């Protein structure tokens, strides 16, 4: 659910198919019958697991650069400066081993991702399974 909904972040889109740079293929996914589920419980369990695996004692997984950059890229962007390099510029950048700045810096925006877990749920996730 976290991956499909970008951890329940509004106004996010997956890009599928061709012509993505032109804005085609944007889809937003919703969980059917979400009103009958407590989605925040499932997202909280996933987030607690991720934090436990990263040895975090407090919920910080949702603030990792990898997570925030992915969600930022999934949001609608209106920055006209984002475009493909010319082939010559691309070849030169490869020769110079240049890399891009973080996407959130390019668009001057960083996604805010909600947290659905707390310290206690992370601690519970770290406890070894008890045998009956």
Protein backbone atom coordinates (compact mmCIF):
# COMPACT_ATOMS: atom_id res chain seq x y z
CA UNK A 1 0.00 0.00 0.00
CA UNK A 2 2.83 2.37 0.78
CA UNK A 3 4.36 1.91 -2.66
CA UNK A 4 1.08 2.17 -4.53
CA UNK A 5 -0.03 5.34 -2.75
CA UNK A 6 3.42 6.87 -2.15
CA UNK A 7 2.77 6.36 1.57
CA UNK A 8 -0.65 8.01 1.27
CA UNK A 9 0.80 11.28 -0.03
CA UNK A 10 -1.84 13.29 -1.94
CA UNK A 11 -1.35 14.49 -5.51
CA UNK A 12 1.20 11.84 -6.46
CA UNK A 13 1.29 9.90 -9.72
CA UNK A 14 2.91 6.81 -11.17
CA UNK A 15 4.20 7.16 -14.72
CA UNK A 16 3.52 4.29 -17.09
CA UNK A 17 3.86 3.76 -20.80
CA UNK A 18 5.55 5.98 -23.32
CA UNK A 19 5.87 9.77 -23.68
CA UNK A 20 6.27 10.27 -19.92
CA UNK A 21 8.40 13.41 -20.36
CA UNK A 22 5.48 14.94 -22.23
CA UNK A 23 3.13 14.28 -19.32
CA UNK A 24 1.42 11.19 -20.68
CA UNK A 25 0.89 8.03 -18.67
CA UNK A 26 0.28 9.64 -15.28
CA UNK A 27 -1.94 7.53 -13.06
CA UNK A 28 -2.95 8.00 -9.47
CA UNK A 29 -3.85 4.84 -7.58
CA UNK A 30 -6.40 4.54 -4.82
CA UNK A 31 -7.24 1.59 -2.60
CA UNK A 32 -10.74 0.27 -3.38
CA UNK A 33 -13.06 0.15 -0.36
CA UNK A 34 -10.51 2.16 1.62
CA UNK A 35 -13.31 3.38 3.86
CA UNK A 36 -13.66 -0.17 5.22
CA UNK A 37 -9.93 -0.46 5.98
CA UNK A 38 -7.82 1.38 8.47
CA UNK A 39 -5.07 2.13 5.96
CA UNK A 40 -3.08 4.12 8.49
CA UNK A 41 -2.68 0.92 10.56
CA UNK A 42 -1.13 -0.91 7.62
CA UNK A 43 1.06 2.04 6.64
CA UNK A 44 2.13 2.38 10.27
CA UNK A 45 3.11 -1.30 10.47
CA UNK A 46 5.13 -1.04 7.27
CA UNK A 47 6.81 2.15 8.44
CA UNK A 48 7.59 0.62 11.85
CA UNK A 49 9.15 -2.38 10.08
CA UNK A 50 11.28 -0.11 7.87
CA UNK A 51 12.44 1.91 10.87
CA UNK A 52 13.23 -1.25 12.83
CA UNK A 53 15.28 -2.65 9.93
CA UNK A 54 17.22 0.62 9.76
CA UNK A 55 17.83 0.47 13.54
CA UNK A 56 15.89 3.72 14.02
CA UNK A 57 14.47 4.31 17.48
CA UNK A 58 12.22 7.13 16.33
CA UNK A 59 10.22 7.36 13.09
CA UNK A 60 12.61 8.82 10.53
CA UNK A 61 12.25 6.42 7.56
CA UNK A 62 9.75 8.78 5.89
CA UNK A 63 12.39 11.55 5.92
CA UNK A 64 15.16 9.58 4.18
CA UNK A 65 16.47 11.31 1.06
CA UNK A 66 15.66 8.26 -1.08
CA UNK A 67 12.03 8.27 0.07
CA UNK A 68 11.46 12.02 -0.14
CA UNK A 69 13.15 12.28 -3.54
CA UNK A 70 10.97 9.48 -4.95
CA UNK A 71 7.77 11.05 -3.65
CA UNK A 72 8.88 14.50 -4.86
CA UNK A 73 9.42 13.07 -8.36
CA UNK A 74 5.92 11.57 -8.26
CA UNK A 75 4.26 14.94 -7.71
CA UNK A 76 3.03 17.20 -10.48
CA UNK A 77 5.79 19.61 -11.48
CA UNK A 78 5.36 22.82 -13.43
CA UNK A 79 9.01 23.83 -13.64
CA UNK A 80 9.70 24.63 -17.29
CA UNK A 81 13.46 24.37 -16.68
CA UNK A 82 13.20 20.58 -16.50
CA UNK A 83 14.01 19.24 -19.96
CA UNK A 84 16.23 16.77 -21.74
CA UNK A 85 19.87 17.63 -22.37
CA UNK A 86 21.03 17.89 -25.92
CA UNK A 87 22.95 14.84 -27.08
CA UNK A 88 26.21 16.83 -27.17
CA UNK A 89 25.66 18.10 -23.61
CA UNK A 90 24.90 14.55 -22.48
CA UNK A 91 28.12 13.20 -24.00
CA UNK A 92 30.13 15.99 -22.38
CA UNK A 93 28.50 15.40 -18.98
CA UNK A 94 29.34 11.68 -19.23
CA UNK A 95 32.97 12.50 -20.10
CA UNK A 96 33.19 14.92 -17.16
CA UNK A 97 31.41 12.42 -14.89
CA UNK A 98 28.93 15.09 -13.89
CA UNK A 99 25.88 14.20 -11.90
CA UNK A 100 22.58 15.91 -11.35
CA UNK A 101 21.64 17.76 -8.23
CA UNK A 102 18.89 16.25 -6.11
CA UNK A 103 15.55 16.44 -7.88
CA UNK A 104 14.03 18.39 -4.99
CA UNK A 105 16.74 21.03 -5.48
CA UNK A 106 16.05 21.22 -9.21
CA UNK A 107 12.35 21.89 -8.65
CA UNK A 108 12.81 23.86 -5.40
CA UNK A 109 10.31 21.64 -3.65
CA UNK A 110 10.58 18.65 -1.32
CA UNK A 111 7.66 16.35 -0.59
CA UNK A 112 6.27 16.23 2.93
CA UNK A 113 5.49 12.63 3.82
CA UNK A 114 3.26 11.81 6.78
CA UNK A 115 4.39 9.38 9.46
CA UNK A 116 1.99 6.68 10.60
CA UNK A 117 4.04 5.03 13.34
CA UNK A 118 5.42 5.89 16.75
CA UNK A 119 8.32 4.91 18.99
CA UNK A 120 6.36 2.08 20.62
CA UNK A 121 5.43 0.44 17.31
CA UNK A 122 9.08 0.51 16.20
CA UNK A 123 10.17 -1.06 19.51
CA UNK A 124 7.49 -3.75 19.17
CA UNK A 125 8.70 -4.51 15.65
CA UNK A 126 12.23 -5.04 16.96
CA UNK A 127 11.15 -7.60 19.57
CA UNK A 128 11.87 -11.19 18.52
CA UNK A 129 8.81 -13.31 17.86
CA UNK A 130 7.80 -15.16 21.00
CA UNK A 131 7.41 -18.91 20.75
CA UNK A 132 4.29 -20.49 22.21
